[in-house]
Amino acid sequence: MENKLGEQRDFCFDILRGLSRLSNSPFIADIAEVVAKYPNPDLSIAFNHKQIESKLFLRDRLLETLGPTHERIWIMAGWYGVLAAMLFDDPRFDIGSIVSFDINADCVPVAMTLNRRHVAAEKFEAQTHDIYELDYRSRQSPNLIINTSCEHLHDVRGWLNLLEPGTPLVLQSNDYRREPDHLSCVDSIADFERQARLSTLLFSGTLAAKNYNRFMLIGRR
């Protein structure tokens, strides 16, 4: 079994490395490096088409709504740093720095490897933290907070109340209640708006997937 998993990892690595050469994409080369170093089955979820589609949805609407320039971004529950890597990879954006927070310490080395070029440029950092315990009102507080995992929070409004009033936000949730860790799902975009109660709502929209809907809000706390 171990040999078979190793063969599958090498197979994926070779394909990604070839695609990197073909497309001249450093981003795909970074993904290949992650696959080679961290043969974790969860990577297939982090990079599946639904996850990528939801992040493309976010990236495009963020650009349209809040523009391309963001000095300091904090990503909540950033997992393996895929969203950060996608934002850095998009030449339309001018981003000063991104910090990705996740409560799972195993995410840090994967996120740092995926974003290794941005780590070297001192523009990316991954940290292990409970997002309910962060200081959102310090002098180094972010200019934009992104949370694509609101369905995982046990108290969405309680977390939002920790933030500085007026903080720019991008929030995502969904209606996929079959996942045990989804504690705060909403049934519609209107429900999500009522749950978040943003002081300023700049964008509200839904991305339909096969088994669920992903909801997104952009606005200010």
N, C-alpha and C. Protein backbone atom coordinates (compact mmCIF):
# COMPACT_ATOMS: atom_id res chain seq x y z
N MET A 1 0.83 -1.20 0.00
CA MET A 1 0.00 0.00 0.00
C MET A 1 0.87 1.25 0.00
N GLU A 2 1.91 1.22 0.82
CA GLU A 2 2.84 2.37 0.91
C GLU A 2 3.48 2.64 -0.44
N ASN A 3 3.92 1.55 -1.13
CA ASN A 3 4.56 1.71 -2.44
C ASN A 3 3.58 2.28 -3.47
N LYS A 4 2.32 1.82 -3.38
CA LYS A 4 1.33 2.31 -4.33
C LYS A 4 1.07 3.80 -4.14
N LEU A 5 0.99 4.24 -2.87
CA LEU A 5 0.79 5.66 -2.59
C LEU A 5 1.97 6.48 -3.09
N GLY A 6 3.17 5.92 -2.90
CA GLY A 6 4.36 6.61 -3.39
C GLY A 6 4.37 6.74 -4.90
N GLU A 7 3.92 5.68 -5.58
CA GLU A 7 3.84 5.72 -7.03
C GLU A 7 2.82 6.76 -7.50
N GLN A 8 1.69 6.84 -6.81
CA GLN A 8 0.67 7.82 -7.18
C GLN A 8 1.19 9.24 -6.96
N ARG A 9 1.92 9.44 -5.87
CA ARG A 9 2.48 10.77 -5.60
C ARG A 9 3.48 11.15 -6.68
N ASP A 10 4.36 10.21 -7.04
CA ASP A 10 5.36 10.48 -8.09
C ASP A 10 4.68 10.77 -9.43
N PHE A 11 3.61 10.04 -9.69
CA PHE A 11 2.84 10.22 -10.92
C PHE A 11 2.28 11.64 -11.00
N CYS A 12 1.64 12.08 -9.89
CA CYS A 12 1.07 13.43 -9.85
C CYS A 12 2.17 14.49 -9.94
N PHE A 13 3.29 14.24 -9.25
CA PHE A 13 4.39 15.19 -9.26
C PHE A 13 4.93 15.38 -10.67
N ASP A 14 5.12 14.28 -11.40
CA ASP A 14 5.66 14.37 -12.75
C ASP A 14 4.71 15.13 -13.68
N ILE A 15 3.41 14.88 -13.54
CA ILE A 15 2.43 15.60 -14.36
C ILE A 15 2.47 17.10 -14.06
N LEU A 16 2.48 17.44 -12.78
CA LEU A 16 2.50 18.85 -12.40
C LEU A 16 3.79 19.54 -12.85
N ARG A 17 4.89 18.82 -12.73
CA ARG A 17 6.16 19.41 -13.15
C ARG A 17 6.17 19.64 -14.67
N GLY A 18 5.59 18.71 -15.41
CA GLY A 18 5.48 18.87 -16.85
C GLY A 18 4.57 20.04 -17.22
N LEU A 19 3.44 20.16 -16.51
CA LEU A 19 2.52 21.27 -16.77
C LEU A 19 3.17 22.61 -16.43
N SER A 20 4.00 22.61 -15.40
CA SER A 20 4.72 23.83 -15.04
C SER A 20 5.65 24.27 -16.16
N ARG A 21 6.35 23.32 -16.74
CA ARG A 21 7.24 23.65 -17.87
C ARG A 21 6.44 24.11 -19.08
N LEU A 22 5.32 23.43 -19.32
CA LEU A 22 4.50 23.76 -20.49
C LEU A 22 3.91 25.16 -20.38
N SER A 23 3.42 25.49 -19.20
CA SER A 23 2.73 26.76 -19.00
C SER A 23 3.64 27.86 -18.51
N ASN A 24 4.88 27.48 -18.14
CA ASN A 24 5.82 28.44 -17.56
C ASN A 24 5.22 29.09 -16.32
N SER A 25 4.54 28.26 -15.51
CA SER A 25 3.83 28.77 -14.33
C SER A 25 4.58 28.42 -13.05
N PRO A 26 5.12 29.41 -12.35
CA PRO A 26 5.74 29.13 -11.04
C PRO A 26 4.73 28.59 -10.03
N PHE A 27 3.47 29.00 -10.16
CA PHE A 27 2.44 28.53 -9.24
C PHE A 27 2.28 27.02 -9.33
N ILE A 28 2.22 26.49 -10.54
CA ILE A 28 2.08 25.03 -10.70
C ILE A 28 3.34 24.32 -10.19
N ALA A 29 4.50 24.94 -10.37
CA ALA A 29 5.73 24.37 -9.82
C ALA A 29 5.66 24.32 -8.30
N ASP A 30 5.06 25.33 -7.68
CA ASP A 30 4.90 25.33 -6.23
C ASP A 30 3.96 24.22 -5.78
N ILE A 31 2.90 23.99 -6.54
CA ILE A 31 1.98 22.89 -6.22
C ILE A 31 2.70 21.56 -6.32
N ALA A 32 3.52 21.39 -7.35
CA ALA A 32 4.29 20.16 -7.52
C ALA A 32 5.20 19.92 -6.32
N GLU A 33 5.81 20.98 -5.81
CA GLU A 33 6.68 20.87 -4.65
C GLU A 33 5.90 20.41 -3.42
N VAL A 34 4.70 20.93 -3.26
CA VAL A 34 3.84 20.52 -2.14
C VAL A 34 3.48 19.04 -2.26
N VAL A 35 3.09 18.62 -3.45
CA VAL A 35 2.72 17.21 -3.67
C VAL A 35 3.90 16.28 -3.36
N ALA A 36 5.10 16.71 -3.74
CA ALA A 36 6.28 15.89 -3.51
C ALA A 36 6.62 15.79 -2.02
N LYS A 37 6.46 16.89 -1.29
CA LYS A 37 6.87 16.92 0.11
C LYS A 37 5.80 16.44 1.08
N TYR A 38 4.54 16.68 0.72
CA TYR A 38 3.44 16.39 1.66
C TYR A 38 2.35 15.59 0.96
N PRO A 39 2.55 14.28 0.83
CA PRO A 39 1.56 13.44 0.13
C PRO A 39 0.33 13.20 1.00
N ASN A 40 -0.39 14.27 1.28
CA ASN A 40 -1.57 14.21 2.14
C ASN A 40 -2.82 14.10 1.27
N PRO A 41 -3.68 13.13 1.54
CA PRO A 41 -4.91 12.98 0.74
C PRO A 41 -5.77 14.24 0.73
N ASP A 42 -5.68 15.07 1.79
CA ASP A 42 -6.48 16.28 1.84
C ASP A 42 -6.12 17.26 0.73
N LEU A 43 -4.93 17.13 0.17
CA LEU A 43 -4.54 18.02 -0.92
C LEU A 43 -5.49 17.89 -2.10
N SER A 44 -6.02 16.68 -2.31
CA SER A 44 -6.95 16.49 -3.42
C SER A 44 -8.24 17.26 -3.20
N ILE A 45 -8.58 17.52 -1.92
CA ILE A 45 -9.75 18.34 -1.61
C ILE A 45 -9.39 19.81 -1.75
N ALA A 46 -8.24 20.20 -1.23
CA ALA A 46 -7.83 21.61 -1.26
C ALA A 46 -7.71 22.14 -2.69
N PHE A 47 -7.35 21.25 -3.62
CA PHE A 47 -7.16 21.68 -5.00
C PHE A 47 -8.24 21.16 -5.94
N ASN A 48 -9.34 20.63 -5.39
CA ASN A 48 -10.36 20.12 -6.31
C ASN A 48 -11.08 21.27 -7.01
N HIS A 49 -11.84 20.94 -8.05
CA HIS A 49 -12.40 21.99 -8.90
C HIS A 49 -13.38 22.87 -8.15
N LYS A 50 -14.10 22.31 -7.16
CA LYS A 50 -15.07 23.12 -6.43
C LYS A 50 -14.37 24.13 -5.53
N GLN A 51 -13.28 23.70 -4.88
CA GLN A 51 -12.53 24.62 -4.03
C GLN A 51 -11.89 25.73 -4.87
N ILE A 52 -11.32 25.36 -5.99
CA ILE A 52 -10.68 26.36 -6.85
C ILE A 52 -11.73 27.31 -7.43
N GLU A 53 -12.86 26.77 -7.84
CA GLU A 53 -13.91 27.62 -8.41
C GLU A 53 -14.40 28.65 -7.38
N SER A 54 -14.54 28.23 -6.14
CA SER A 54 -15.01 29.17 -5.12
C SER A 54 -13.99 30.27 -4.87
N LYS A 55 -12.71 29.94 -4.99
CA LYS A 55 -11.66 30.95 -4.78
C LYS A 55 -11.54 31.87 -6.00
N LEU A 56 -11.78 31.35 -7.19
CA LEU A 56 -11.82 32.21 -8.37
C LEU A 56 -13.00 33.19 -8.28
N PHE A 57 -14.12 32.69 -7.81
CA PHE A 57 -15.31 33.52 -7.56
C PHE A 57 -14.95 34.66 -6.61
N LEU A 58 -14.27 34.32 -5.53
CA LEU A 58 -13.86 35.33 -4.55
C LEU A 58 -12.87 36.32 -5.16
N ARG A 59 -11.88 35.81 -5.86
CA ARG A 59 -10.83 36.66 -6.41
C ARG A 59 -11.40 37.70 -7.38
N ASP A 60 -12.29 37.26 -8.26
CA ASP A 60 -12.85 38.16 -9.26
C ASP A 60 -13.78 39.20 -8.63
N ARG A 61 -14.63 38.76 -7.69
CA ARG A 61 -15.55 39.72 -7.06
C ARG A 61 -14.80 40.68 -6.14
N LEU A 62 -13.74 40.21 -5.49
CA LEU A 62 -12.92 41.09 -4.66
C LEU A 62 -12.33 42.21 -5.51
N LEU A 63 -11.77 41.85 -6.66
CA LEU A 63 -11.18 42.85 -7.54
C LEU A 63 -12.23 43.88 -7.97
N GLU A 64 -13.40 43.41 -8.36
CA GLU A 64 -14.46 44.29 -8.84
C GLU A 64 -15.00 45.19 -7.73
N THR A 65 -15.01 44.68 -6.50
CA THR A 65 -15.70 45.38 -5.40
C THR A 65 -14.77 46.28 -4.59
N LEU A 66 -13.59 45.77 -4.24
CA LEU A 66 -12.67 46.52 -3.37
C LEU A 66 -11.38 46.92 -4.08
N GLY A 67 -11.24 46.55 -5.34
CA GLY A 67 -10.08 46.99 -6.10
C GLY A 67 -8.87 46.09 -5.94
N PRO A 68 -7.76 46.45 -6.59
CA PRO A 68 -6.60 45.56 -6.66
C PRO A 68 -5.56 45.72 -5.55
N THR A 69 -5.58 46.83 -4.82
CA THR A 69 -4.50 47.14 -3.89
C THR A 69 -4.91 46.84 -2.45
N HIS A 70 -4.12 45.96 -1.80
CA HIS A 70 -4.41 45.57 -0.42
C HIS A 70 -3.08 45.43 0.32
N GLU A 71 -2.87 46.30 1.31
CA GLU A 71 -1.58 46.34 1.99
C GLU A 71 -1.35 45.12 2.87
N ARG A 72 -2.34 44.81 3.72
CA ARG A 72 -2.21 43.67 4.65
C ARG A 72 -3.51 42.88 4.66
N ILE A 73 -3.42 41.62 4.26
CA ILE A 73 -4.59 40.73 4.26
C ILE A 73 -4.37 39.64 5.30
N TRP A 74 -5.41 39.39 6.09
CA TRP A 74 -5.43 38.23 6.97
C TRP A 74 -6.49 37.27 6.45
N ILE A 75 -6.09 36.01 6.29
CA ILE A 75 -7.03 34.97 5.85
C ILE A 75 -7.29 34.04 7.03
N MET A 76 -8.55 33.95 7.42
CA MET A 76 -8.95 33.11 8.53
C MET A 76 -9.16 31.67 8.06
N ALA A 77 -8.75 30.72 8.88
CA ALA A 77 -8.90 29.30 8.54
C ALA A 77 -8.36 29.06 7.13
N GLY A 78 -7.14 29.54 6.89
CA GLY A 78 -6.55 29.53 5.54
C GLY A 78 -6.09 28.18 5.05
N TRP A 79 -6.15 27.15 5.92
CA TRP A 79 -5.84 25.77 5.56
C TRP A 79 -4.45 25.68 4.94
N TYR A 80 -4.32 25.26 3.70
CA TYR A 80 -3.01 25.05 3.09
C TYR A 80 -2.51 26.26 2.29
N GLY A 81 -3.14 27.41 2.47
CA GLY A 81 -2.64 28.63 1.84
C GLY A 81 -2.95 28.75 0.36
N VAL A 82 -3.94 28.01 -0.12
CA VAL A 82 -4.25 28.02 -1.56
C VAL A 82 -4.79 29.38 -2.00
N LEU A 83 -5.70 29.96 -1.21
CA LEU A 83 -6.26 31.26 -1.59
C LEU A 83 -5.17 32.32 -1.65
N ALA A 84 -4.28 32.32 -0.66
CA ALA A 84 -3.18 33.29 -0.68
C ALA A 84 -2.34 33.13 -1.94
N ALA A 85 -2.01 31.89 -2.28
CA ALA A 85 -1.20 31.64 -3.48
C ALA A 85 -1.91 32.12 -4.74
N MET A 86 -3.23 31.93 -4.80
CA MET A 86 -4.00 32.36 -5.97
C MET A 86 -4.06 33.89 -6.06
N LEU A 87 -4.16 34.56 -4.95
CA LEU A 87 -4.16 36.02 -4.97
C LEU A 87 -2.80 36.56 -5.40
N PHE A 88 -1.73 35.98 -4.86
CA PHE A 88 -0.39 36.42 -5.26
C PHE A 88 -0.13 36.13 -6.74
N ASP A 89 -0.72 35.05 -7.24
CA ASP A 89 -0.46 34.64 -8.63
C ASP A 89 -1.18 35.52 -9.64
N ASP A 90 -2.16 36.29 -9.20
CA ASP A 90 -2.97 37.09 -10.11
C ASP A 90 -2.31 38.46 -10.32
N PRO A 91 -1.82 38.74 -11.52
CA PRO A 91 -1.11 40.00 -11.76
C PRO A 91 -1.98 41.24 -11.66
N ARG A 92 -3.28 41.05 -11.58
CA ARG A 92 -4.18 42.20 -11.44
C ARG A 92 -4.09 42.83 -10.05
N PHE A 93 -3.58 42.06 -9.07
CA PHE A 93 -3.55 42.53 -7.69
C PHE A 93 -2.19 43.09 -7.30
N ASP A 94 -2.22 44.04 -6.40
CA ASP A 94 -1.03 44.59 -5.76
C ASP A 94 -1.18 44.37 -4.26
N ILE A 95 -0.54 43.32 -3.76
CA ILE A 95 -0.73 42.90 -2.37
C ILE A 95 0.58 43.06 -1.61
N GLY A 96 0.50 43.76 -0.47
CA GLY A 96 1.69 43.95 0.35
C GLY A 96 2.09 42.70 1.09
N SER A 97 1.16 42.11 1.84
CA SER A 97 1.45 40.89 2.60
C SER A 97 0.17 40.15 2.92
N ILE A 98 0.31 38.85 3.14
CA ILE A 98 -0.81 38.01 3.57
C ILE A 98 -0.35 37.14 4.73
N VAL A 99 -1.16 37.09 5.78
CA VAL A 99 -0.96 36.12 6.86
C VAL A 99 -2.14 35.16 6.83
N SER A 100 -1.85 33.86 6.80
CA SER A 100 -2.87 32.82 6.78
C SER A 100 -2.89 32.14 8.15
N PHE A 101 -4.05 32.16 8.81
CA PHE A 101 -4.19 31.56 10.13
C PHE A 101 -5.02 30.28 10.04
N ASP A 102 -4.59 29.27 10.76
CA ASP A 102 -5.38 28.05 10.88
C ASP A 102 -5.11 27.42 12.24
N ILE A 103 -6.11 26.80 12.82
CA ILE A 103 -5.95 26.20 14.14
C ILE A 103 -5.16 24.90 14.10
N ASN A 104 -5.03 24.31 12.91
CA ASN A 104 -4.31 23.06 12.72
C ASN A 104 -2.85 23.35 12.38
N ALA A 105 -1.93 22.98 13.28
CA ALA A 105 -0.51 23.27 13.08
C ALA A 105 0.07 22.55 11.86
N ASP A 106 -0.54 21.45 11.45
CA ASP A 106 -0.04 20.72 10.27
C ASP A 106 -0.19 21.52 8.98
N CYS A 107 -1.01 22.55 9.00
CA CYS A 107 -1.21 23.35 7.79
C CYS A 107 -0.03 24.27 7.50
N VAL A 108 0.72 24.65 8.54
CA VAL A 108 1.76 25.66 8.37
C VAL A 108 2.83 25.25 7.36
N PRO A 109 3.49 24.08 7.50
CA PRO A 109 4.55 23.76 6.54
C PRO A 109 4.04 23.63 5.10
N VAL A 110 2.82 23.14 4.94
CA VAL A 110 2.27 23.01 3.58
C VAL A 110 2.03 24.39 2.99
N ALA A 111 1.40 25.27 3.76
CA ALA A 111 1.11 26.63 3.27
C ALA A 111 2.40 27.39 2.98
N MET A 112 3.41 27.20 3.83
CA MET A 112 4.68 27.90 3.63
C MET A 112 5.40 27.37 2.39
N THR A 113 5.26 26.08 2.10
CA THR A 113 5.87 25.50 0.90
C THR A 113 5.15 25.98 -0.36
N LEU A 114 3.83 25.96 -0.32
CA LEU A 114 3.06 26.41 -1.48
C LEU A 114 3.35 27.88 -1.80
N ASN A 115 3.57 28.66 -0.77
CA ASN A 115 3.83 30.10 -0.95
C ASN A 115 5.30 30.43 -0.74
N ARG A 116 6.18 29.49 -1.05
CA ARG A 116 7.61 29.64 -0.73
C ARG A 116 8.23 30.87 -1.37
N ARG A 117 7.83 31.23 -2.60
CA ARG A 117 8.39 32.42 -3.24
C ARG A 117 7.99 33.69 -2.50
N HIS A 118 6.78 33.70 -1.96
CA HIS A 118 6.29 34.87 -1.26
C HIS A 118 6.83 34.91 0.18
N VAL A 119 7.14 33.73 0.74
CA VAL A 119 7.84 33.68 2.02
C VAL A 119 9.22 34.30 1.86
N ALA A 120 9.92 33.94 0.79
CA ALA A 120 11.27 34.47 0.53
C ALA A 120 11.24 35.98 0.33
N ALA A 121 10.14 36.48 -0.22
CA ALA A 121 10.00 37.92 -0.43
C ALA A 121 9.43 38.63 0.80
N GLU A 122 9.25 37.86 1.89
CA GLU A 122 8.70 38.39 3.15
C GLU A 122 7.30 38.98 2.96
N LYS A 123 6.52 38.31 2.12
CA LYS A 123 5.15 38.77 1.86
C LYS A 123 4.10 37.78 2.36
N PHE A 124 4.53 36.59 2.79
CA PHE A 124 3.57 35.59 3.25
C PHE A 124 4.06 34.93 4.53
N GLU A 125 3.09 34.65 5.39
CA GLU A 125 3.36 33.91 6.61
C GLU A 125 2.14 33.07 6.97
N ALA A 126 2.38 31.86 7.44
CA ALA A 126 1.30 31.01 7.94
C ALA A 126 1.51 30.82 9.44
N GLN A 127 0.43 30.95 10.21
CA GLN A 127 0.52 30.85 11.65
C GLN A 127 -0.58 29.95 12.19
N THR A 128 -0.30 29.31 13.31
CA THR A 128 -1.28 28.47 13.99
C THR A 128 -1.95 29.29 15.09
N HIS A 129 -3.23 29.55 14.93
CA HIS A 129 -3.97 30.34 15.92
C HIS A 129 -5.44 29.97 15.89
N ASP A 130 -6.08 30.09 17.03
CA ASP A 130 -7.54 30.09 17.12
C ASP A 130 -7.98 31.51 16.76
N ILE A 131 -8.79 31.65 15.74
CA ILE A 131 -9.12 32.99 15.25
C ILE A 131 -9.97 33.78 16.25
N TYR A 132 -10.55 33.11 17.24
CA TYR A 132 -11.28 33.82 18.29
C TYR A 132 -10.33 34.49 19.28
N GLU A 133 -9.05 34.15 19.22
CA GLU A 133 -8.08 34.68 20.18
C GLU A 133 -7.11 35.68 19.57
N LEU A 134 -7.28 36.03 18.31
CA LEU A 134 -6.40 37.00 17.66
C LEU A 134 -6.73 38.43 18.12
N ASP A 135 -5.72 39.29 18.09
CA ASP A 135 -5.91 40.72 18.38
C ASP A 135 -6.16 41.44 17.06
N TYR A 136 -7.41 41.76 16.79
CA TYR A 136 -7.79 42.38 15.53
C TYR A 136 -7.70 43.92 15.58
N ARG A 137 -7.32 44.45 16.73
CA ARG A 137 -7.34 45.90 16.88
C ARG A 137 -5.96 46.47 17.20
N SER A 138 -4.92 45.71 16.87
CA SER A 138 -3.56 46.17 17.11
C SER A 138 -3.11 47.11 16.00
N ARG A 139 -1.93 47.70 16.18
CA ARG A 139 -1.39 48.61 15.16
C ARG A 139 -1.08 47.88 13.86
N GLN A 140 -0.85 46.58 13.95
CA GLN A 140 -0.55 45.80 12.75
C GLN A 140 -1.78 45.06 12.23
N SER A 141 -2.95 45.57 12.59
CA SER A 141 -4.17 44.92 12.14
C SER A 141 -4.30 45.00 10.63
N PRO A 142 -5.06 44.08 10.02
CA PRO A 142 -5.13 44.00 8.56
C PRO A 142 -6.01 45.08 7.96
N ASN A 143 -5.79 45.32 6.68
CA ASN A 143 -6.66 46.21 5.91
C ASN A 143 -7.80 45.45 5.26
N LEU A 144 -7.70 44.12 5.24
CA LEU A 144 -8.74 43.27 4.69
C LEU A 144 -8.69 41.92 5.39
N ILE A 145 -9.85 41.43 5.82
CA ILE A 145 -9.96 40.10 6.43
C ILE A 145 -10.83 39.23 5.53
N ILE A 146 -10.35 38.02 5.26
CA ILE A 146 -11.09 37.06 4.43
C ILE A 146 -11.35 35.81 5.27
N ASN A 147 -12.59 35.38 5.28
CA ASN A 147 -12.95 34.13 5.96
C ASN A 147 -13.86 33.34 5.03
N THR A 148 -13.31 32.28 4.42
CA THR A 148 -14.10 31.46 3.49
C THR A 148 -14.72 30.26 4.19
N SER A 149 -14.62 30.21 5.53
CA SER A 149 -15.06 29.03 6.28
C SER A 149 -16.03 29.39 7.39
N CYS A 150 -16.91 30.33 7.14
CA CYS A 150 -17.85 30.75 8.19
C CYS A 150 -18.74 29.60 8.66
N GLU A 151 -18.99 28.64 7.78
CA GLU A 151 -19.81 27.50 8.18
C GLU A 151 -19.17 26.67 9.28
N HIS A 152 -17.83 26.77 9.44
CA HIS A 152 -17.12 26.01 10.47
C HIS A 152 -17.14 26.70 11.83
N LEU A 153 -17.51 27.97 11.88
CA LEU A 153 -17.47 28.70 13.15
C LEU A 153 -18.66 28.34 14.02
N HIS A 154 -18.43 28.26 15.32
CA HIS A 154 -19.55 27.95 16.22
C HIS A 154 -20.38 29.20 16.51
N ASP A 155 -19.80 30.39 16.29
CA ASP A 155 -20.51 31.64 16.57
C ASP A 155 -20.00 32.70 15.59
N VAL A 156 -20.63 32.79 14.44
CA VAL A 156 -20.17 33.72 13.40
C VAL A 156 -20.24 35.16 13.89
N ARG A 157 -21.37 35.54 14.47
CA ARG A 157 -21.53 36.93 14.91
C ARG A 157 -20.57 37.23 16.07
N GLY A 158 -20.34 36.26 16.95
CA GLY A 158 -19.40 36.46 18.05
C GLY A 158 -18.00 36.74 17.53
N TRP A 159 -17.59 36.03 16.46
CA TRP A 159 -16.28 36.29 15.88
C TRP A 159 -16.25 37.67 15.23
N LEU A 160 -17.28 38.02 14.49
CA LEU A 160 -17.32 39.33 13.82
C LEU A 160 -17.24 40.47 14.83
N ASN A 161 -17.81 40.28 16.01
CA ASN A 161 -17.79 41.33 17.02
C ASN A 161 -16.39 41.61 17.56
N LEU A 162 -15.45 40.71 17.32
CA LEU A 162 -14.07 40.93 17.74
C LEU A 162 -13.34 41.92 16.83
N LEU A 163 -13.87 42.12 15.64
CA LEU A 163 -13.19 42.92 14.62
C LEU A 163 -13.47 44.41 14.83
N GLU A 164 -12.54 45.22 14.35
CA GLU A 164 -12.70 46.67 14.40
C GLU A 164 -13.88 47.06 13.51
N PRO A 165 -14.81 47.90 14.02
CA PRO A 165 -15.90 48.36 13.16
C PRO A 165 -15.37 49.02 11.90
N GLY A 166 -15.99 48.72 10.78
CA GLY A 166 -15.58 49.28 9.50
C GLY A 166 -14.53 48.47 8.76
N THR A 167 -14.04 47.37 9.37
CA THR A 167 -13.03 46.53 8.71
C THR A 167 -13.58 45.94 7.42
N PRO A 168 -12.86 46.08 6.29
CA PRO A 168 -13.29 45.43 5.05
C PRO A 168 -13.23 43.91 5.19
N LEU A 169 -14.25 43.24 4.67
CA LEU A 169 -14.39 41.80 4.85
C LEU A 169 -14.82 41.11 3.57
N VAL A 170 -14.34 39.87 3.40
CA VAL A 170 -14.90 38.94 2.43
C VAL A 170 -15.26 37.68 3.21
N LEU A 171 -16.51 37.29 3.14
CA LEU A 171 -17.00 36.13 3.90
C LEU A 171 -17.65 35.13 2.96
N GLN A 172 -17.38 33.85 3.21
CA GLN A 172 -18.08 32.79 2.49
C GLN A 172 -18.66 31.78 3.48
N SER A 173 -19.80 31.21 3.10
CA SER A 173 -20.42 30.13 3.86
C SER A 173 -21.12 29.23 2.86
N ASN A 174 -21.85 28.22 3.35
CA ASN A 174 -22.58 27.35 2.43
C ASN A 174 -23.76 26.69 3.14
N ASP A 175 -24.52 25.89 2.38
CA ASP A 175 -25.68 25.20 2.93
C ASP A 175 -25.47 23.69 2.99
N TYR A 176 -24.20 23.26 3.06
CA TYR A 176 -23.88 21.83 3.04
C TYR A 176 -23.88 21.30 4.48
N ARG A 177 -25.03 20.91 4.97
CA ARG A 177 -25.19 20.52 6.37
C ARG A 177 -24.78 19.07 6.65
N ARG A 178 -24.45 18.32 5.63
CA ARG A 178 -24.08 16.91 5.84
C ARG A 178 -22.69 16.75 6.45
N GLU A 179 -21.89 17.79 6.41
CA GLU A 179 -20.55 17.75 6.99
C GLU A 179 -20.64 18.06 8.49
N PRO A 180 -20.21 17.13 9.37
CA PRO A 180 -20.35 17.34 10.82
C PRO A 180 -19.67 18.60 11.34
N ASP A 181 -18.59 19.03 10.70
CA ASP A 181 -17.87 20.22 11.16
C ASP A 181 -18.51 21.52 10.69
N HIS A 182 -19.56 21.44 9.92
CA HIS A 182 -20.26 22.64 9.46
C HIS A 182 -21.30 23.02 10.52
N LEU A 183 -20.92 23.94 11.38
CA LEU A 183 -21.72 24.27 12.55
C LEU A 183 -22.67 25.44 12.34
N SER A 184 -22.40 26.27 11.34
CA SER A 184 -23.17 27.51 11.18
C SER A 184 -23.63 27.70 9.74
N CYS A 185 -24.03 26.63 9.09
CA CYS A 185 -24.52 26.74 7.72
C CYS A 185 -25.73 27.67 7.64
N VAL A 186 -25.93 28.24 6.48
CA VAL A 186 -27.11 29.06 6.21
C VAL A 186 -27.82 28.47 4.99
N ASP A 187 -29.10 28.78 4.86
CA ASP A 187 -29.90 28.17 3.80
C ASP A 187 -30.01 29.02 2.55
N SER A 188 -29.59 30.29 2.63
CA SER A 188 -29.69 31.18 1.48
C SER A 188 -28.76 32.36 1.69
N ILE A 189 -28.56 33.13 0.63
CA ILE A 189 -27.72 34.32 0.75
C ILE A 189 -28.39 35.33 1.68
N ALA A 190 -29.72 35.37 1.68
CA ALA A 190 -30.43 36.28 2.60
C ALA A 190 -30.18 35.88 4.05
N ASP A 191 -30.16 34.56 4.32
CA ASP A 191 -29.85 34.09 5.68
C ASP A 191 -28.43 34.49 6.08
N PHE A 192 -27.50 34.40 5.13
CA PHE A 192 -26.11 34.76 5.41
C PHE A 192 -26.00 36.26 5.72
N GLU A 193 -26.72 37.07 4.98
CA GLU A 193 -26.73 38.51 5.25
C GLU A 193 -27.25 38.79 6.65
N ARG A 194 -28.30 38.08 7.06
CA ARG A 194 -28.85 38.29 8.40
C ARG A 194 -27.89 37.78 9.48
N GLN A 195 -27.19 36.69 9.19
CA GLN A 195 -26.23 36.15 10.16
C GLN A 195 -25.06 37.11 10.37
N ALA A 196 -24.53 37.67 9.27
CA ALA A 196 -23.35 38.53 9.36
C ALA A 196 -23.68 39.94 9.82
N ARG A 197 -24.82 40.48 9.39
CA ARG A 197 -25.25 41.83 9.76
C ARG A 197 -24.13 42.85 9.55
N LEU A 198 -23.57 42.89 8.35
CA LEU A 198 -22.51 43.84 8.04
C LEU A 198 -23.06 45.27 8.03
N SER A 199 -22.25 46.22 8.48
CA SER A 199 -22.70 47.62 8.49
C SER A 199 -22.82 48.17 7.08
N THR A 200 -21.93 47.70 6.18
CA THR A 200 -21.98 48.08 4.78
C THR A 200 -21.87 46.84 3.92
N LEU A 201 -22.84 46.60 3.08
CA LEU A 201 -22.83 45.44 2.19
C LEU A 201 -22.57 45.92 0.77
N LEU A 202 -21.44 45.48 0.21
CA LEU A 202 -21.03 45.93 -1.12
C LEU A 202 -21.30 44.88 -2.19
N PHE A 203 -21.29 43.61 -1.79
CA PHE A 203 -21.57 42.52 -2.73
C PHE A 203 -22.22 41.37 -1.98
N SER A 204 -23.19 40.75 -2.62
CA SER A 204 -23.86 39.58 -2.07
C SER A 204 -24.18 38.65 -3.23
N GLY A 205 -23.68 37.41 -3.18
CA GLY A 205 -23.91 36.52 -4.31
C GLY A 205 -23.77 35.06 -3.96
N THR A 206 -24.21 34.22 -4.88
CA THR A 206 -24.24 32.77 -4.69
C THR A 206 -23.53 32.07 -5.85
N LEU A 207 -22.71 31.09 -5.52
CA LEU A 207 -22.08 30.23 -6.52
C LEU A 207 -22.65 28.83 -6.34
N ALA A 208 -23.36 28.33 -7.34
CA ALA A 208 -23.99 27.02 -7.23
C ALA A 208 -22.99 25.92 -7.57
N ALA A 209 -22.93 24.90 -6.72
CA ALA A 209 -22.13 23.70 -6.97
C ALA A 209 -23.08 22.51 -7.07
N LYS A 210 -22.54 21.33 -7.32
CA LYS A 210 -23.39 20.16 -7.55
C LYS A 210 -24.23 19.80 -6.33
N ASN A 211 -23.61 19.81 -5.14
CA ASN A 211 -24.30 19.33 -3.94
C ASN A 211 -24.61 20.43 -2.94
N TYR A 212 -24.22 21.65 -3.23
CA TYR A 212 -24.46 22.73 -2.27
C TYR A 212 -24.31 24.08 -2.97
N ASN A 213 -24.65 25.12 -2.25
CA ASN A 213 -24.47 26.49 -2.73
C ASN A 213 -23.45 27.19 -1.84
N ARG A 214 -22.56 27.94 -2.47
CA ARG A 214 -21.60 28.74 -1.70
C ARG A 214 -22.05 30.20 -1.76
N PHE A 215 -22.14 30.81 -0.59
CA PHE A 215 -22.61 32.18 -0.47
C PHE A 215 -21.44 33.09 -0.13
N MET A 216 -21.46 34.31 -0.68
CA MET A 216 -20.36 35.23 -0.40
C MET A 216 -20.87 36.65 -0.18
N LEU A 217 -20.28 37.29 0.84
CA LEU A 217 -20.56 38.68 1.15
C LEU A 217 -19.25 39.46 1.13
N ILE A 218 -19.28 40.65 0.58
CA ILE A 218 -18.16 41.58 0.66
C ILE A 218 -18.70 42.89 1.21
N GLY A 219 -18.05 43.41 2.23
CA GLY A 219 -18.53 44.64 2.83
C GLY A 219 -17.66 45.07 3.98
N ARG A 220 -18.27 45.72 4.96
CA ARG A 220 -17.54 46.20 6.14
C ARG A 220 -18.24 45.76 7.41
N ARG A 221 -17.45 45.42 8.39
CA ARG A 221 -17.97 44.96 9.69
C ARG A 221 -18.93 46.00 10.28
